[in-house]
Every structure is written in C-alpha cells, then in structure tokens.
Amino acid sequence: MERPLRILIVEPSAIVVEGLLSILGKRPEFKCLHPLYSVGSLCDYVRKEKPDLLILNPTLAFDAKEVLALGLPLVALVYQYVEKDRLGFFNAVLDVRERSERIPAVLQQAWSSAPRPEEASDESYELSDREIDVLKYVAQGLMNKEIADKLNISIHTVISHRKNISRKTGIKSVAGLTVYAIMKGYIASA
C-alpha cells in the first residue's frame, strides 16, 4: 500500500475542522496533520511537516504569492460565497455541504491535477519570450483574438502558447496565471 496522502487543513472554524478530521480519519489513504486555525505560521509549518495537500479557507487573509510558492496542491474549503478570482489558483473546491463520500474524490482530483516536480525533469519549463508576452496580455484580461491582434500572430498560435504556458506552470486559470505573472515580475502588482 502506498503511503497515505498527508493533508493539512487551515480553517478557523473548529466545528468544520473536526468534521473533516472525522471524515478523513476513517480513510486509510489520508493522514491529517495537526490543523491550523489561521495562516500565521502556515509557511513554517509546511516546511516542517511537509504535507502533500493543503485544504485552505479562501476567505482567510493570506498572501497568494506565498501560498503558491509552497508548491502544494490547494483545495479551497468554502461554505459561503467566494469570488471566482479568489478561487482561481486552487486545484479544487470543496464545499462543506458536499456529501462525505464525495470528499475523497475531490481531494484525489486536486492531488492528481497538480503538477509534480519530477514531471519537470525531462523538459525545460522556462517560458519563451513570446509565451511571456502572451502571459502578460492574459494577465491584463485580453481575449485570444485581442492578444493575436496585439502580437500580430494567429489565434491558433495564441492558443498554442497558452497551452504551453499552462503546461509549463501547471496553472490553468487566468487568476492563477495573473498571480504567477506578478510573482515572476512580468507585470507590476496594483
């Protein structure tokens, strides 16, 4: 049997945390680490305990750049309305109203959809200059046609660059790509 997936829950509600711990504790494929009720010591805790997956309440005040830099698959734990932009860099969304038997599937989907560091070993994952140009326009909210017009390339070429950017970064959402572009200094943060 493979080792269990080590999960860290970051959620201020003790009731929600205890419910998740109860559900996941019955599953041999998961091992829940001691939960955090705030993001204050998140980075230090992650470096020390090395979880495989992070379940995080997206309404907590956290630095998206810092959380993304941890390199963990992220699951948004929601029980109220959260803006789509805020959810953009999460690998999956877990609603607290989800049936308990569905929770493992959501976590497994987040785990399997996240890029693995070992996947990067065969190929260069540096963005080309043209991919960086496309990324900048994506982060500014331009559509494929608008990017194609600005760069004097075809829409098909833009789509190809966007696929390469997503493959290389492991980020599929516009919000996540925007955060990535800011982190890398390709665009200035507001």
C-alpha atoms as a PDB file:
ATOM      1  CA  MET A   1       0.000   0.000   0.000  1.00  0.00           C
ATOM      2  CA  GLU A   2       1.248   3.478  -0.854  1.00  0.00           C
ATOM      3  CA  ARG A   3       1.816   5.877   1.980  1.00  0.00           C
ATOM      4  CA  PRO A   4      -1.236   7.959   2.893  1.00  0.00           C
ATOM      5  CA  LEU A   5      -1.676  11.443   1.458  1.00  0.00           C
ATOM      6  CA  ARG A   6      -0.647  13.913   4.172  1.00  0.00           C
ATOM      7  CA  ILE A   7      -3.281  16.635   4.437  1.00  0.00           C
ATOM      8  CA  LEU A   8      -3.098  19.985   6.204  1.00  0.00           C
ATOM      9  CA  ILE A   9      -6.354  21.791   6.962  1.00  0.00           C
ATOM     10  CA  VAL A  10      -6.250  25.571   7.516  1.00  0.00           C
ATOM     11  CA  GLU A  11      -9.663  26.698   8.735  1.00  0.00           C
ATOM     12  CA  PRO A  12     -10.741  28.981  11.620  1.00  0.00           C
ATOM     13  CA  SER A  13     -13.912  27.021  12.462  1.00  0.00           C
ATOM     14  CA  ALA A  14     -13.231  24.221  14.946  1.00  0.00           C
ATOM     15  CA  ILE A  15     -16.557  22.597  14.050  1.00  0.00           C
ATOM     16  CA  VAL A  16     -15.660  22.416  10.357  1.00  0.00           C
ATOM     17  CA  VAL A  17     -12.135  21.174  11.136  1.00  0.00           C
ATOM     18  CA  GLU A  18     -13.401  18.464  13.490  1.00  0.00           C
ATOM     19  CA  GLY A  19     -15.939  17.331  10.893  1.00  0.00           C
ATOM     20  CA  LEU A  20     -13.262  16.998   8.204  1.00  0.00           C
ATOM     21  CA  LEU A  21     -10.885  15.233  10.578  1.00  0.00           C
ATOM     22  CA  SER A  22     -13.651  12.788  11.497  1.00  0.00           C
ATOM     23  CA  ILE A  23     -14.472  12.024   7.847  1.00  0.00           C
ATOM     24  CA  LEU A  24     -10.881  11.798   6.617  1.00  0.00           C
ATOM     25  CA  GLY A  25      -9.658   9.930   9.706  1.00  0.00           C
ATOM     26  CA  LYS A  26     -11.738   6.922   8.652  1.00  0.00           C
ATOM     27  CA  ARG A  27      -9.925   6.702   5.306  1.00  0.00           C
ATOM     28  CA  PRO A  28      -6.592   4.849   5.177  1.00  0.00           C
ATOM     29  CA  GLU A  29      -5.481   6.779   2.078  1.00  0.00           C
ATOM     30  CA  PHE A  30      -5.342  10.045   4.076  1.00  0.00           C
ATOM     31  CA  LYS A  31      -3.361  11.199   7.092  1.00  0.00           C
ATOM     32  CA  CYS A  32      -4.428  14.524   8.559  1.00  0.00           C
ATOM     33  CA  LEU A  33      -1.749  16.632  10.163  1.00  0.00           C
ATOM     34  CA  HIS A  34      -2.470  18.836  13.144  1.00  0.00           C
ATOM     35  CA  PRO A  35      -4.737  21.574  11.691  1.00  0.00           C
ATOM     36  CA  LEU A  36      -4.034  25.281  11.691  1.00  0.00           C
ATOM     37  CA  TYR A  37      -6.770  27.748  12.596  1.00  0.00           C
ATOM     38  CA  SER A  38      -5.040  30.716  10.967  1.00  0.00           C
ATOM     39  CA  VAL A  39      -2.413  31.301   8.279  1.00  0.00           C
ATOM     40  CA  GLY A  40       0.057  32.975  10.645  1.00  0.00           C
ATOM     41  CA  SER A  41       2.565  30.119  10.819  1.00  0.00           C
ATOM     42  CA  LEU A  42       1.491  28.335   7.622  1.00  0.00           C
ATOM     43  CA  CYS A  43       4.783  28.558   5.698  1.00  0.00           C
ATOM     44  CA  ASP A  44       6.928  27.454   8.641  1.00  0.00           C
ATOM     45  CA  TYR A  45       4.528  24.622   9.444  1.00  0.00           C
ATOM     46  CA  VAL A  46       4.512  23.412   5.820  1.00  0.00           C
ATOM     47  CA  ARG A  47       8.316  23.420   5.670  1.00  0.00           C
ATOM     48  CA  LYS A  48       8.471  21.431   8.899  1.00  0.00           C
ATOM     49  CA  GLU A  49       5.659  18.891   8.349  1.00  0.00           C
ATOM     50  CA  LYS A  50       5.794  18.612   4.523  1.00  0.00           C
ATOM     51  CA  PRO A  51       2.115  17.967   3.760  1.00  0.00           C
ATOM     52  CA  ASP A  52       1.122  16.636   0.342  1.00  0.00           C
ATOM     53  CA  LEU A  53      -2.064  18.684   0.040  1.00  0.00           C
ATOM     54  CA  LEU A  54      -3.430  21.849   1.621  1.00  0.00           C
ATOM     55  CA  ILE A  55      -7.120  22.430   2.373  1.00  0.00           C
ATOM     56  CA  LEU A  56      -7.470  26.180   2.895  1.00  0.00           C
ATOM     57  CA  ASN A  57     -10.383  28.505   3.571  1.00  0.00           C
ATOM     58  CA  PRO A  58     -10.059  31.057   0.734  1.00  0.00           C
ATOM     59  CA  THR A  59     -11.672  33.815   2.826  1.00  0.00           C
ATOM     60  CA  LEU A  60      -8.684  33.912   5.181  1.00  0.00           C
ATOM     61  CA  ALA A  61      -6.348  36.848   4.645  1.00  0.00           C
ATOM     62  CA  PHE A  62      -3.269  35.252   3.117  1.00  0.00           C
ATOM     63  CA  ASP A  63      -0.560  36.207   0.648  1.00  0.00           C
ATOM     64  CA  ALA A  64      -1.397  34.315  -2.551  1.00  0.00           C
ATOM     65  CA  LYS A  65       2.203  34.542  -3.778  1.00  0.00           C
ATOM     66  CA  GLU A  66       3.492  32.990  -0.578  1.00  0.00           C
ATOM     67  CA  VAL A  67       0.910  30.181  -0.634  1.00  0.00           C
ATOM     68  CA  LEU A  68       1.559  29.388  -4.317  1.00  0.00           C
ATOM     69  CA  ALA A  69       5.289  29.331  -3.616  1.00  0.00           C
ATOM     70  CA  LEU A  70       4.724  26.407  -1.244  1.00  0.00           C
ATOM     71  CA  GLY A  71       4.159  24.281  -4.350  1.00  0.00           C
ATOM     72  CA  LEU A  72       1.312  22.254  -2.849  1.00  0.00           C
ATOM     73  CA  PRO A  73      -1.954  21.199  -4.450  1.00  0.00           C
ATOM     74  CA  LEU A  74      -4.565  23.551  -2.995  1.00  0.00           C
ATOM     75  CA  VAL A  75      -8.181  22.779  -2.150  1.00  0.00           C
ATOM     76  CA  ALA A  76     -10.481  25.700  -1.360  1.00  0.00           C
ATOM     77  CA  LEU A  77     -12.778  24.927   1.571  1.00  0.00           C
ATOM     78  CA  VAL A  78     -15.905  27.017   1.067  1.00  0.00           C
ATOM     79  CA  TYR A  79     -19.163  27.464   2.928  1.00  0.00           C
ATOM     80  CA  GLN A  80     -20.117  30.917   1.754  1.00  0.00           C
ATOM     81  CA  TYR A  81     -19.871  32.917  -1.442  1.00  0.00           C
ATOM     82  CA  VAL A  82     -16.297  33.392  -2.629  1.00  0.00           C
ATOM     83  CA  GLU A  83     -15.395  35.454  -5.705  1.00  0.00           C
ATOM     84  CA  LYS A  84     -14.234  33.378  -8.672  1.00  0.00           C
ATOM     85  CA  ASP A  85     -10.956  35.318  -8.862  1.00  0.00           C
ATOM     86  CA  ARG A  86     -10.131  34.219  -5.324  1.00  0.00           C
ATOM     87  CA  LEU A  87     -10.658  30.564  -6.290  1.00  0.00           C
ATOM     88  CA  GLY A  88      -8.575  30.817  -9.466  1.00  0.00           C
ATOM     89  CA  PHE A  89      -5.336  29.337  -8.177  1.00  0.00           C
ATOM     90  CA  PHE A  90      -6.895  26.416  -6.284  1.00  0.00           C
ATOM     91  CA  ASN A  91      -6.730  22.927  -7.809  1.00  0.00           C
ATOM     92  CA  ALA A  92     -10.191  22.007  -6.487  1.00  0.00           C
ATOM     93  CA  VAL A  93     -13.089  23.413  -4.473  1.00  0.00           C
ATOM     94  CA  LEU A  94     -14.610  21.532  -1.542  1.00  0.00           C
ATOM     95  CA  ASP A  95     -17.976  22.824  -0.378  1.00  0.00           C
ATOM     96  CA  VAL A  96     -18.760  21.919   3.246  1.00  0.00           C
ATOM     97  CA  ARG A  97     -22.204  20.819   2.093  1.00  0.00           C
ATOM     98  CA  GLU A  98     -20.600  18.077  -0.043  1.00  0.00           C
ATOM     99  CA  ARG A  99     -21.637  14.519   0.769  1.00  0.00           C
ATOM    100  CA  SER A 100     -18.949  12.914   2.922  1.00  0.00           C
ATOM    101  CA  GLU A 101     -18.431  10.040   0.468  1.00  0.00           C
ATOM    102  CA  ARG A 102     -17.537  12.572  -2.284  1.00  0.00           C
ATOM    103  CA  ILE A 103     -14.809  14.330  -0.284  1.00  0.00           C
ATOM    104  CA  PRO A 104     -12.046  11.771  -1.056  1.00  0.00           C
ATOM    105  CA  ALA A 105     -12.737  12.106  -4.788  1.00  0.00           C
ATOM    106  CA  VAL A 106     -12.385  15.898  -4.600  1.00  0.00           C
ATOM    107  CA  LEU A 107      -9.075  15.583  -2.740  1.00  0.00           C
ATOM    108  CA  GLN A 108      -7.769  12.922  -5.121  1.00  0.00           C
ATOM    109  CA  GLN A 109      -8.740  15.119  -8.100  1.00  0.00           C
ATOM    110  CA  ALA A 110      -6.794  18.048  -6.621  1.00  0.00           C
ATOM    111  CA  TRP A 111      -3.802  15.796  -5.962  1.00  0.00           C
ATOM    112  CA  SER A 112      -3.780  14.261  -9.423  1.00  0.00           C
ATOM    113  CA  SER A 113      -4.317  17.574 -11.252  1.00  0.00           C
ATOM    114  CA  ALA A 114      -1.365  19.299  -9.584  1.00  0.00           C
ATOM    115  CA  PRO A 115       1.976  19.267 -11.406  1.00  0.00           C
ATOM    116  CA  ARG A 116       4.699  17.185  -9.797  1.00  0.00           C
ATOM    117  CA  PRO A 117       8.275  18.467  -9.517  1.00  0.00           C
ATOM    118  CA  GLU A 118       9.574  15.211 -11.019  1.00  0.00           C
ATOM    119  CA  GLU A 119       7.482  15.870 -14.147  1.00  0.00           C
ATOM    120  CA  ALA A 120       9.688  18.873 -14.888  1.00  0.00           C
ATOM    121  CA  SER A 121      12.919  16.880 -15.099  1.00  0.00           C
ATOM    122  CA  ASP A 122      12.781  15.919 -18.790  1.00  0.00           C
ATOM    123  CA  GLU A 123      11.895  19.227 -20.321  1.00  0.00           C
ATOM    124  CA  SER A 124      12.656  22.930 -19.965  1.00  0.00           C
ATOM    125  CA  TYR A 125       9.868  24.668 -18.118  1.00  0.00           C
ATOM    126  CA  GLU A 126      11.145  28.160 -18.741  1.00  0.00           C
ATOM    127  CA  LEU A 127       8.695  30.325 -20.642  1.00  0.00           C
ATOM    128  CA  SER A 128       9.869  31.601 -24.004  1.00  0.00           C
ATOM    129  CA  ASP A 129       9.897  35.346 -24.678  1.00  0.00           C
ATOM    130  CA  ARG A 130       6.752  35.019 -26.803  1.00  0.00           C
ATOM    131  CA  GLU A 131       4.996  32.983 -24.086  1.00  0.00           C
ATOM    132  CA  ILE A 132       5.855  35.731 -21.595  1.00  0.00           C
ATOM    133  CA  ASP A 133       4.349  38.296 -23.992  1.00  0.00           C
ATOM    134  CA  VAL A 134       1.156  36.221 -24.228  1.00  0.00           C
ATOM    135  CA  LEU A 135       1.109  35.732 -20.441  1.00  0.00           C
ATOM    136  CA  LYS A 136       1.317  39.494 -19.864  1.00  0.00           C
ATOM    137  CA  TYR A 137      -1.734  40.065 -22.065  1.00  0.00           C
ATOM    138  CA  VAL A 138      -3.631  37.173 -20.442  1.00  0.00           C
ATOM    139  CA  ALA A 139      -2.925  38.748 -17.046  1.00  0.00           C
ATOM    140  CA  GLN A 140      -4.301  42.049 -18.367  1.00  0.00           C
ATOM    141  CA  GLY A 141      -7.557  40.268 -19.219  1.00  0.00           C
ATOM    142  CA  LEU A 142      -7.257  40.275 -23.019  1.00  0.00           C
ATOM    143  CA  MET A 143      -9.038  37.598 -25.043  1.00  0.00           C
ATOM    144  CA  ASN A 144      -7.203  35.352 -27.534  1.00  0.00           C
ATOM    145  CA  LYS A 145      -8.281  37.449 -30.535  1.00  0.00           C
ATOM    146  CA  GLU A 146      -7.092  40.662 -28.862  1.00  0.00           C
ATOM    147  CA  ILE A 147      -3.736  39.077 -27.978  1.00  0.00           C
ATOM    148  CA  ALA A 148      -3.349  37.807 -31.547  1.00  0.00           C
ATOM    149  CA  ASP A 149      -4.011  41.305 -32.904  1.00  0.00           C
ATOM    150  CA  LYS A 150      -1.547  42.945 -30.491  1.00  0.00           C
ATOM    151  CA  LEU A 151       1.231  40.462 -31.276  1.00  0.00           C
ATOM    152  CA  ASN A 152       0.433  40.087 -34.985  1.00  0.00           C
ATOM    153  CA  ILE A 153       0.077  36.324 -34.727  1.00  0.00           C
ATOM    154  CA  SER A 154      -2.811  33.945 -35.377  1.00  0.00           C
ATOM    155  CA  ILE A 155      -5.381  32.969 -32.764  1.00  0.00           C
ATOM    156  CA  HIS A 156      -4.177  29.376 -33.128  1.00  0.00           C
ATOM    157  CA  THR A 157      -0.664  30.457 -32.183  1.00  0.00           C
ATOM    158  CA  VAL A 158      -2.008  32.292 -29.124  1.00  0.00           C
ATOM    159  CA  ILE A 159      -3.941  29.187 -28.076  1.00  0.00           C
ATOM    160  CA  SER A 160      -0.813  27.071 -28.552  1.00  0.00           C
ATOM    161  CA  HIS A 161       1.236  29.493 -26.414  1.00  0.00           C
ATOM    162  CA  ARG A 162      -1.457  29.465 -23.713  1.00  0.00           C
ATOM    163  CA  LYS A 163      -1.444  25.650 -23.639  1.00  0.00           C
ATOM    164  CA  ASN A 164       2.345  25.678 -23.302  1.00  0.00           C
ATOM    165  CA  ILE A 165       2.166  28.275 -20.525  1.00  0.00           C
ATOM    166  CA  SER A 166      -0.386  26.186 -18.606  1.00  0.00           C
ATOM    167  CA  ARG A 167       1.640  23.003 -19.114  1.00  0.00           C
ATOM    168  CA  LYS A 168       4.880  24.636 -18.000  1.00  0.00           C
ATOM    169  CA  THR A 169       3.438  26.456 -14.987  1.00  0.00           C
ATOM    170  CA  GLY A 170       0.786  23.912 -14.005  1.00  0.00           C
ATOM    171  CA  ILE A 171      -1.706  26.802 -13.753  1.00  0.00           C
ATOM    172  CA  LYS A 172      -4.912  26.719 -15.761  1.00  0.00           C
ATOM    173  CA  SER A 173      -6.925  29.714 -14.558  1.00  0.00           C
ATOM    174  CA  VAL A 174      -6.497  33.330 -15.629  1.00  0.00           C
ATOM    175  CA  ALA A 175      -6.412  34.427 -11.977  1.00  0.00           C
ATOM    176  CA  GLY A 176      -3.680  31.916 -11.192  1.00  0.00           C
ATOM    177  CA  LEU A 177      -1.674  32.975 -14.250  1.00  0.00           C
ATOM    178  CA  THR A 178      -2.043  36.603 -13.198  1.00  0.00           C
ATOM    179  CA  VAL A 179      -0.636  35.845  -9.743  1.00  0.00           C
ATOM    180  CA  TYR A 180       2.181  33.883 -11.409  1.00  0.00           C
ATOM    181  CA  ALA A 181       2.978  36.808 -13.748  1.00  0.00           C
ATOM    182  CA  ILE A 182       3.126  39.188 -10.774  1.00  0.00           C
ATOM    183  CA  MET A 183       5.298  36.767  -8.771  1.00  0.00           C
ATOM    184  CA  LYS A 184       7.754  36.466 -11.650  1.00  0.00           C
ATOM    185  CA  GLY A 185       7.843  40.260 -12.143  1.00  0.00           C
ATOM    186  CA  TYR A 186       6.381  40.115 -15.672  1.00  0.00           C
ATOM    187  CA  ILE A 187       3.755  42.668 -14.646  1.00  0.00           C
ATOM    188  CA  ALA A 188       3.572  45.083 -11.739  1.00  0.00           C
ATOM    189  CA  SER A 189       1.077  44.470  -8.952  1.00  0.00           C
ATOM    190  CA  ALA A 190      -1.504  47.145  -8.344  1.00  0.00           C
END
